[in-house]
N, C-alpha and C. Protein backbone atom coordinates (compact mmCIF):
# COMPACT_ATOMS: atom_id res chain seq x y z
N MET A 1 94.03 99.08 126.92
CA MET A 1 94.35 98.32 125.73
C MET A 1 95.08 97.04 126.18
N SER A 2 94.69 95.92 125.61
CA SER A 2 95.29 94.64 126.01
C SER A 2 96.74 94.53 125.53
N HIS A 3 97.49 93.68 126.21
CA HIS A 3 98.88 93.43 125.84
C HIS A 3 98.97 92.92 124.41
N THR A 4 98.07 92.00 124.03
CA THR A 4 98.09 91.43 122.69
C THR A 4 97.86 92.51 121.64
N LEU A 5 96.89 93.39 121.88
CA LEU A 5 96.60 94.45 120.93
C LEU A 5 97.77 95.42 120.82
N ARG A 6 98.39 95.77 121.97
CA ARG A 6 99.56 96.65 121.93
C ARG A 6 100.69 96.02 121.13
N THR A 7 100.92 94.71 121.34
CA THR A 7 101.97 94.01 120.62
C THR A 7 101.68 94.00 119.12
N LEU A 8 100.43 93.71 118.75
CA LEU A 8 100.04 93.69 117.34
C LEU A 8 100.25 95.05 116.70
N LEU A 9 99.82 96.09 117.38
CA LEU A 9 99.98 97.44 116.82
C LEU A 9 101.45 97.82 116.69
N ALA A 10 102.26 97.44 117.67
CA ALA A 10 103.69 97.74 117.59
C ALA A 10 104.34 97.02 116.42
N CYS A 11 103.98 95.75 116.22
CA CYS A 11 104.55 94.99 115.11
C CYS A 11 104.12 95.56 113.77
N LEU A 12 102.85 95.90 113.66
CA LEU A 12 102.37 96.47 112.40
C LEU A 12 103.01 97.82 112.14
N ALA A 13 103.24 98.61 113.19
CA ALA A 13 103.91 99.90 113.01
C ALA A 13 105.32 99.70 112.48
N MET A 14 106.01 98.67 112.99
CA MET A 14 107.37 98.38 112.51
C MET A 14 107.33 97.94 111.06
N ILE A 15 106.36 97.09 110.72
CA ILE A 15 106.26 96.57 109.36
C ILE A 15 105.94 97.68 108.37
N LEU A 16 105.08 98.59 108.78
CA LEU A 16 104.61 99.62 107.84
C LEU A 16 105.43 100.90 107.88
N ALA A 17 106.48 100.95 108.68
CA ALA A 17 107.31 102.16 108.78
C ALA A 17 107.98 102.46 107.45
N VAL A 18 107.97 103.72 107.07
CA VAL A 18 108.58 104.15 105.81
C VAL A 18 109.76 105.05 106.13
N PRO A 19 110.94 104.74 105.59
CA PRO A 19 112.09 105.62 105.81
C PRO A 19 111.83 107.00 105.20
N ALA A 20 112.28 108.05 105.87
CA ALA A 20 112.09 109.42 105.39
C ALA A 20 112.79 109.62 104.06
N GLY A 21 112.08 110.26 103.12
CA GLY A 21 112.66 110.60 101.83
C GLY A 21 112.76 109.47 100.85
N ALA A 22 112.26 108.31 101.16
CA ALA A 22 112.36 107.17 100.25
C ALA A 22 111.20 107.20 99.26
N ALA A 23 111.47 106.73 98.05
CA ALA A 23 110.46 106.70 97.00
C ALA A 23 109.64 105.43 97.09
N ASP A 24 108.33 105.55 96.95
CA ASP A 24 107.44 104.39 96.98
C ASP A 24 107.60 103.55 95.72
N THR A 25 107.53 102.21 95.89
CA THR A 25 107.55 101.30 94.75
C THR A 25 106.14 100.91 94.36
N LYS A 26 105.19 101.11 95.23
CA LYS A 26 103.79 100.79 95.01
C LYS A 26 103.01 101.76 95.88
N PRO A 27 101.89 102.28 95.41
CA PRO A 27 101.14 103.22 96.26
C PRO A 27 100.85 102.59 97.62
N GLY A 28 101.25 103.29 98.67
CA GLY A 28 100.99 102.83 100.02
C GLY A 28 102.01 101.84 100.56
N ALA A 29 102.97 101.40 99.75
CA ALA A 29 103.96 100.42 100.20
C ALA A 29 105.22 101.12 100.69
N PRO A 30 105.85 100.58 101.72
CA PRO A 30 107.12 101.17 102.17
C PRO A 30 108.17 101.13 101.07
N ALA A 31 109.01 102.15 101.02
CA ALA A 31 110.00 102.27 99.96
C ALA A 31 111.06 101.19 100.01
N ASP A 32 111.41 100.73 101.21
CA ASP A 32 112.48 99.74 101.32
C ASP A 32 112.02 98.34 100.93
N VAL A 33 110.75 98.18 100.58
CA VAL A 33 110.22 96.88 100.19
C VAL A 33 110.96 96.34 98.98
N ALA A 34 111.25 97.20 98.01
CA ALA A 34 111.90 96.74 96.79
C ALA A 34 113.31 96.22 97.07
N ALA A 35 114.00 96.82 98.02
CA ALA A 35 115.37 96.44 98.32
C ALA A 35 115.44 95.12 99.08
N LYS A 36 114.56 94.92 100.02
CA LYS A 36 114.62 93.73 100.87
C LYS A 36 113.22 93.44 101.39
N PRO A 37 112.70 92.26 101.12
CA PRO A 37 111.35 91.96 101.62
C PRO A 37 111.30 92.02 103.14
N LEU A 38 110.20 92.51 103.65
CA LEU A 38 109.99 92.48 105.09
C LEU A 38 109.67 91.05 105.47
N ARG A 39 109.94 90.70 106.73
CA ARG A 39 109.72 89.33 107.17
C ARG A 39 109.02 89.32 108.51
N VAL A 40 108.07 88.41 108.65
CA VAL A 40 107.33 88.28 109.90
C VAL A 40 107.11 86.82 110.22
N VAL A 41 107.27 86.48 111.50
CA VAL A 41 106.97 85.13 111.98
C VAL A 41 105.77 85.27 112.92
N VAL A 42 104.79 84.40 112.70
CA VAL A 42 103.55 84.43 113.47
C VAL A 42 103.48 83.18 114.35
N GLN A 43 103.21 83.38 115.62
CA GLN A 43 103.10 82.27 116.57
C GLN A 43 101.64 81.89 116.77
N ILE A 44 101.35 80.59 116.67
CA ILE A 44 100.04 80.06 117.05
C ILE A 44 100.29 78.96 118.07
N SER A 45 99.83 79.18 119.29
CA SER A 45 100.01 78.18 120.34
C SER A 45 98.72 77.92 121.11
N GLU A 46 97.61 78.40 120.57
CA GLU A 46 96.31 78.17 121.18
C GLU A 46 95.41 77.40 120.22
N ASN A 47 94.58 76.54 120.77
CA ASN A 47 93.60 75.80 119.97
C ASN A 47 92.30 76.59 119.99
N GLN A 48 92.34 77.75 119.31
CA GLN A 48 91.19 78.64 119.27
C GLN A 48 90.99 79.14 117.84
N PRO A 49 89.99 78.61 117.14
CA PRO A 49 89.76 79.04 115.75
C PRO A 49 89.63 80.55 115.58
N ALA A 50 89.12 81.26 116.57
CA ALA A 50 89.03 82.72 116.45
C ALA A 50 90.42 83.34 116.33
N ILE A 51 91.37 82.84 117.08
CA ILE A 51 92.75 83.33 116.99
C ILE A 51 93.36 82.93 115.66
N TRP A 52 93.08 81.71 115.19
CA TRP A 52 93.60 81.26 113.90
C TRP A 52 93.11 82.19 112.79
N ASN A 53 91.81 82.50 112.81
CA ASN A 53 91.25 83.38 111.79
C ASN A 53 91.85 84.78 111.88
N LEU A 54 92.07 85.27 113.10
CA LEU A 54 92.70 86.57 113.27
C LEU A 54 94.10 86.56 112.65
N ALA A 55 94.88 85.52 112.92
CA ALA A 55 96.23 85.42 112.37
C ALA A 55 96.18 85.38 110.84
N LEU A 56 95.29 84.57 110.30
CA LEU A 56 95.18 84.45 108.84
C LEU A 56 94.69 85.77 108.23
N ASN A 57 93.80 86.48 108.91
CA ASN A 57 93.37 87.79 108.44
C ASN A 57 94.53 88.78 108.47
N ASN A 58 95.32 88.77 109.56
CA ASN A 58 96.49 89.65 109.65
C ASN A 58 97.44 89.41 108.49
N ILE A 59 97.71 88.14 108.22
CA ILE A 59 98.61 87.76 107.12
C ILE A 59 98.06 88.26 105.80
N HIS A 60 96.80 88.01 105.55
CA HIS A 60 96.17 88.45 104.30
C HIS A 60 96.26 89.98 104.15
N ASN A 61 95.96 90.70 105.23
CA ASN A 61 95.96 92.17 105.17
C ASN A 61 97.36 92.73 104.94
N VAL A 62 98.36 92.12 105.57
CA VAL A 62 99.74 92.58 105.36
C VAL A 62 100.15 92.32 103.91
N GLN A 63 99.82 91.14 103.39
CA GLN A 63 100.15 90.84 101.99
C GLN A 63 99.41 91.78 101.04
N LYS A 64 98.17 92.10 101.35
CA LYS A 64 97.39 93.00 100.50
C LYS A 64 98.00 94.41 100.51
N GLU A 65 98.40 94.86 101.68
CA GLU A 65 98.97 96.20 101.81
C GLU A 65 100.33 96.32 101.14
N LEU A 66 101.19 95.32 101.36
CA LEU A 66 102.57 95.41 100.88
C LEU A 66 102.81 94.69 99.56
N GLY A 67 101.92 93.79 99.21
CA GLY A 67 102.14 92.92 98.05
C GLY A 67 102.77 91.62 98.54
N ALA A 68 102.20 90.50 98.18
CA ALA A 68 102.66 89.20 98.68
C ALA A 68 104.13 88.95 98.37
N LYS A 69 104.63 89.50 97.27
CA LYS A 69 106.04 89.30 96.90
C LYS A 69 106.98 90.14 97.76
N ASN A 70 106.43 91.09 98.49
CA ASN A 70 107.26 92.02 99.26
C ASN A 70 107.35 91.68 100.73
N ILE A 71 106.80 90.55 101.14
CA ILE A 71 106.87 90.14 102.54
C ILE A 71 106.99 88.63 102.63
N GLU A 72 107.88 88.18 103.49
CA GLU A 72 108.01 86.75 103.78
C GLU A 72 107.28 86.49 105.09
N VAL A 73 106.35 85.54 105.06
CA VAL A 73 105.56 85.23 106.24
C VAL A 73 105.72 83.76 106.58
N GLU A 74 105.99 83.51 107.86
CA GLU A 74 106.04 82.13 108.35
C GLU A 74 105.16 82.05 109.59
N LEU A 75 104.24 81.10 109.60
CA LEU A 75 103.41 80.85 110.76
C LEU A 75 103.89 79.55 111.40
N VAL A 76 104.23 79.62 112.70
CA VAL A 76 104.72 78.46 113.43
C VAL A 76 103.66 78.05 114.44
N ALA A 77 103.25 76.78 114.37
CA ALA A 77 102.24 76.25 115.28
C ALA A 77 102.84 75.18 116.18
N TYR A 78 102.59 75.32 117.47
CA TYR A 78 103.07 74.33 118.44
C TYR A 78 102.07 74.24 119.59
N GLY A 79 102.27 73.23 120.44
CA GLY A 79 101.35 73.02 121.56
C GLY A 79 99.94 72.87 121.04
N PRO A 80 98.96 73.37 121.81
CA PRO A 80 97.57 73.23 121.38
C PRO A 80 97.29 73.89 120.02
N GLY A 81 98.11 74.88 119.64
CA GLY A 81 97.92 75.56 118.36
C GLY A 81 98.22 74.70 117.15
N LEU A 82 98.87 73.55 117.36
CA LEU A 82 99.18 72.66 116.25
C LEU A 82 97.93 72.27 115.47
N ALA A 83 96.79 72.28 116.14
CA ALA A 83 95.53 71.88 115.51
C ALA A 83 95.20 72.71 114.27
N ILE A 84 95.73 73.94 114.17
CA ILE A 84 95.48 74.75 112.98
C ILE A 84 96.00 74.08 111.71
N LEU A 85 97.05 73.25 111.85
CA LEU A 85 97.69 72.65 110.68
C LEU A 85 97.28 71.20 110.43
N ARG A 86 96.33 70.72 111.19
CA ARG A 86 95.83 69.36 110.95
C ARG A 86 94.92 69.37 109.72
N ASP A 87 94.90 68.26 109.00
CA ASP A 87 94.11 68.22 107.77
C ASP A 87 92.61 68.36 108.02
N ASP A 88 92.15 68.15 109.24
CA ASP A 88 90.73 68.32 109.56
C ASP A 88 90.44 69.66 110.26
N SER A 89 91.39 70.57 110.23
CA SER A 89 91.23 71.88 110.85
C SER A 89 90.08 72.64 110.19
N VAL A 90 89.36 73.42 110.98
CA VAL A 90 88.26 74.22 110.44
C VAL A 90 88.76 75.33 109.51
N VAL A 91 90.06 75.61 109.53
CA VAL A 91 90.62 76.63 108.64
C VAL A 91 91.60 76.03 107.63
N ALA A 92 91.53 74.73 107.42
CA ALA A 92 92.47 74.07 106.50
C ALA A 92 92.43 74.71 105.11
N ASN A 93 91.25 75.06 104.63
CA ASN A 93 91.16 75.68 103.31
C ASN A 93 91.84 77.05 103.29
N ARG A 94 91.73 77.81 104.37
CA ARG A 94 92.38 79.12 104.44
C ARG A 94 93.90 78.98 104.51
N VAL A 95 94.37 77.95 105.23
CA VAL A 95 95.80 77.69 105.29
C VAL A 95 96.32 77.37 103.90
N GLN A 96 95.61 76.53 103.17
CA GLN A 96 96.04 76.18 101.81
C GLN A 96 96.01 77.38 100.89
N GLU A 97 95.01 78.25 101.03
CA GLU A 97 94.97 79.49 100.24
C GLU A 97 96.19 80.36 100.54
N ALA A 98 96.51 80.49 101.82
CA ALA A 98 97.67 81.31 102.21
C ALA A 98 98.96 80.70 101.69
N MET A 99 99.05 79.37 101.70
CA MET A 99 100.23 78.70 101.16
C MET A 99 100.40 79.04 99.68
N SER A 100 99.29 79.16 98.97
CA SER A 100 99.37 79.46 97.53
C SER A 100 99.89 80.87 97.27
N THR A 101 99.88 81.73 98.30
CA THR A 101 100.41 83.09 98.15
C THR A 101 101.82 83.21 98.71
N GLY A 102 102.40 82.07 99.12
CA GLY A 102 103.79 82.07 99.57
C GLY A 102 103.99 82.00 101.07
N VAL A 103 102.92 81.94 101.84
CA VAL A 103 103.07 81.84 103.30
C VAL A 103 103.57 80.43 103.64
N ARG A 104 104.55 80.39 104.52
CA ARG A 104 105.11 79.11 104.96
C ARG A 104 104.51 78.76 106.32
N PHE A 105 104.01 77.54 106.44
CA PHE A 105 103.43 77.06 107.70
C PHE A 105 104.33 75.97 108.25
N VAL A 106 104.66 76.08 109.53
CA VAL A 106 105.61 75.16 110.17
C VAL A 106 104.96 74.53 111.40
N ALA A 107 104.99 73.20 111.43
CA ALA A 107 104.47 72.45 112.56
C ALA A 107 105.62 71.98 113.45
N CYS A 108 105.38 71.95 114.75
CA CYS A 108 106.36 71.52 115.73
C CYS A 108 106.33 69.99 115.86
N ARG A 109 107.46 69.37 115.54
CA ARG A 109 107.55 67.91 115.67
C ARG A 109 107.49 67.45 117.13
N ASN A 110 108.01 68.24 118.05
CA ASN A 110 107.93 67.86 119.46
C ASN A 110 106.47 67.72 119.89
N THR A 111 105.64 68.68 119.49
CA THR A 111 104.21 68.60 119.80
C THR A 111 103.58 67.38 119.12
N MET A 112 103.93 67.18 117.86
CA MET A 112 103.37 66.04 117.13
C MET A 112 103.72 64.73 117.83
N GLN A 113 104.96 64.60 118.25
CA GLN A 113 105.39 63.37 118.94
C GLN A 113 104.65 63.22 120.26
N GLY A 114 104.52 64.29 121.00
CA GLY A 114 103.83 64.24 122.28
C GLY A 114 102.36 63.87 122.16
N LEU A 115 101.75 64.28 121.05
CA LEU A 115 100.32 64.00 120.84
C LEU A 115 100.09 62.80 119.92
N HIS A 116 101.18 62.15 119.51
CA HIS A 116 101.11 60.98 118.61
C HIS A 116 100.39 61.31 117.31
N ILE A 117 100.78 62.44 116.72
CA ILE A 117 100.22 62.89 115.44
C ILE A 117 101.26 62.64 114.37
N THR A 118 100.83 62.12 113.23
CA THR A 118 101.74 61.83 112.12
C THR A 118 101.60 62.89 111.03
N GLU A 119 102.58 62.93 110.14
CA GLU A 119 102.50 63.85 109.01
C GLU A 119 101.29 63.58 108.14
N ALA A 120 100.84 62.34 108.10
CA ALA A 120 99.66 61.98 107.30
C ALA A 120 98.40 62.69 107.80
N GLU A 121 98.41 63.15 109.05
CA GLU A 121 97.26 63.83 109.63
C GLU A 121 97.34 65.36 109.46
N MET A 122 98.41 65.82 108.82
CA MET A 122 98.64 67.25 108.68
C MET A 122 98.27 67.72 107.27
N ILE A 123 98.09 69.02 107.11
CA ILE A 123 97.80 69.60 105.81
C ILE A 123 98.99 69.35 104.89
N PRO A 124 98.76 68.80 103.72
CA PRO A 124 99.88 68.54 102.80
C PRO A 124 100.61 69.84 102.42
N GLY A 125 101.92 69.76 102.34
CA GLY A 125 102.72 70.88 101.88
C GLY A 125 103.27 71.78 102.97
N ILE A 126 102.88 71.53 104.23
CA ILE A 126 103.45 72.35 105.30
C ILE A 126 104.88 71.90 105.59
N SER A 127 105.58 72.69 106.36
CA SER A 127 106.95 72.37 106.76
C SER A 127 106.97 71.95 108.22
N TYR A 128 108.12 71.47 108.67
CA TYR A 128 108.25 70.97 110.04
C TYR A 128 109.54 71.49 110.65
N ALA A 129 109.49 71.74 111.96
CA ALA A 129 110.67 72.08 112.74
C ALA A 129 110.64 71.18 113.96
N GLN A 130 111.79 70.78 114.45
CA GLN A 130 111.80 69.91 115.62
C GLN A 130 111.14 70.59 116.81
N ALA A 131 111.48 71.86 117.02
CA ALA A 131 110.91 72.62 118.14
C ALA A 131 110.37 73.95 117.61
N GLY A 132 109.07 74.14 117.71
CA GLY A 132 108.45 75.37 117.21
C GLY A 132 109.00 76.62 117.88
N VAL A 133 109.23 76.56 119.17
CA VAL A 133 109.74 77.72 119.90
C VAL A 133 111.13 78.09 119.38
N ILE A 134 111.97 77.12 119.14
CA ILE A 134 113.31 77.38 118.61
C ILE A 134 113.21 77.97 117.20
N GLU A 135 112.26 77.50 116.39
CA GLU A 135 112.05 78.06 115.06
C GLU A 135 111.73 79.55 115.15
N ILE A 136 110.87 79.92 116.08
CA ILE A 136 110.52 81.33 116.26
C ILE A 136 111.73 82.14 116.71
N ILE A 137 112.50 81.60 117.63
CA ILE A 137 113.71 82.29 118.09
C ILE A 137 114.68 82.50 116.93
N ARG A 138 114.89 81.47 116.14
CA ARG A 138 115.80 81.59 114.99
C ARG A 138 115.32 82.66 114.01
N LYS A 139 114.03 82.66 113.74
CA LYS A 139 113.50 83.66 112.81
C LYS A 139 113.70 85.07 113.35
N GLN A 140 113.49 85.26 114.64
CA GLN A 140 113.70 86.58 115.23
C GLN A 140 115.17 86.98 115.12
N MET A 141 116.08 86.03 115.32
CA MET A 141 117.50 86.32 115.20
C MET A 141 117.88 86.66 113.75
N GLU A 142 117.10 86.16 112.79
CA GLU A 142 117.33 86.47 111.38
C GLU A 142 116.66 87.78 110.97
N GLY A 143 116.03 88.47 111.91
CA GLY A 143 115.44 89.76 111.62
C GLY A 143 113.95 89.75 111.35
N TYR A 144 113.29 88.64 111.55
CA TYR A 144 111.85 88.59 111.36
C TYR A 144 111.16 89.36 112.49
N ALA A 145 110.13 90.12 112.14
CA ALA A 145 109.26 90.72 113.15
C ALA A 145 108.43 89.59 113.74
N TYR A 146 108.03 89.72 114.99
CA TYR A 146 107.29 88.70 115.71
C TYR A 146 105.85 89.15 115.90
N LEU A 147 104.91 88.27 115.59
CA LEU A 147 103.49 88.59 115.76
C LEU A 147 102.81 87.42 116.44
N ARG A 148 102.11 87.72 117.49
CA ARG A 148 101.29 86.71 118.17
C ARG A 148 99.90 87.28 118.36
N PRO A 149 98.98 86.90 117.47
CA PRO A 149 97.62 87.46 117.57
C PRO A 149 96.90 86.95 118.81
């Protein structure tokens, strides 16, 4: 089993874990969802549409399983992965659909500066962080589960 698949399965196991004896708020949803939304930060650092689609599918499936209101999702794109958030991205429509369900997309300004990319070239409505890697570290320190498809 690949390292990526093991990591994905471990993260999903953490997200879907149900405390013993807790009452469900929705069929199939973890009981602690009502008390505190689960949170996940997704890293995209590759310019590979197959990985982008995998990440977007993971996000959609987690929202479907838990309910979009019961999970906070942030996708951070940096390095070559920044291309997912460009307005001409092959998945721009999927990013916008995910945004409409509450997913937050964050672009790395360091990457943008290095590649001479402006906000005008990005999907409208996304957010920005000076350093994508630092954004991911901060989210993990805030208790977000980490997912890198």
